[in-house]
């Protein structure tokens, strides 16, 4: 628990920050440790050099860091939901650092300060706008929770897949929505984005083109629509399949998106230069929404919407201090 703001005892200090062989020598709490881009005292406001007294230990919280800064790039798609949920990672004792090293990780974080420090690239998972690359998870009440995105930290939402082109006599299918980057599950979280840091939504997939047909003199010619292009993100959206039609009139597949680029919609199918489907829509990327698929005799599918930079759980509010780049909405509700 946070140390008292008034009268304070050695036991209060021991309970919060730990001990040295059962004793509380104040010089042992004069700590400065660097974790990623953060250089921290054992508790914010505790001196790291010079004189230290009991007065300096009043109303202080132990600093704990959850490590999303060491090692290489990871993504929720490839590395699993648990690793990209900070509370699950904390519970698994997977990259948790207690500043000062004088006590073990608290099982209950109430009264302590937990910093989720991101200083490498984190990718997301495709599916829908609610899916977030990194989730804070739910913490014990009265935890002071901070997400610190460092200058080399990047959190990306997944791109949406392109819609399938219309098959014979079918409309084109809608592109998938982009996914989101950061999900805030805990009330009162503070998010700090340093200069150079980035939180970016995933972008939607393009809609599939509609199918076409042409009839004359007993001939019934049909053509499929092109597949939609994949949206930009990490992971990027895949291009949609072209629509099928008998007699070689199928549409082309859309192309895959990339981290920063949208996939192009596939070209329309044609049959005997008489029946024509419609082209698939291009996927979305930064500054450019996903396009709808084109219309032929059947309508094209709608382009997918972009995800959010930051989403929040129902009833949750947070504070954003941004000195970096945050691309996408930051006020949408729904986290998964």
Foldseek 3Di string as FASTA:
>chain_A
DFAAQPDGDQVSCCVFQNADVPGCDPVLQLFWDDDQNDTDGQWPQAHNDDDGDPNSRHRTAGEKEADQADDAEEWCAPPHDQVQARVSCVVVVPRMDGGSPRDDDDPAQARHEYEYEFQYEYFYHDDAQQGAGHEPDEHHPNYAYEYEYDLNGEWKWEWWAWWEWAAWVGAWAEIHEIYETYEYEYAAYEYEYAANYEQAWWATWWWWWYKKWDDDPHDIDIAITWTTKWTAIVVIYAWHQWYYDPPFQTWHTWHIAYNAGKTAWTQWGDHPNGITIWTIWIIYGVPGHTQFTPYYVHHIHHIHGIHASYEYEPPHDYHYHYPYYGYGDHYHYHHD
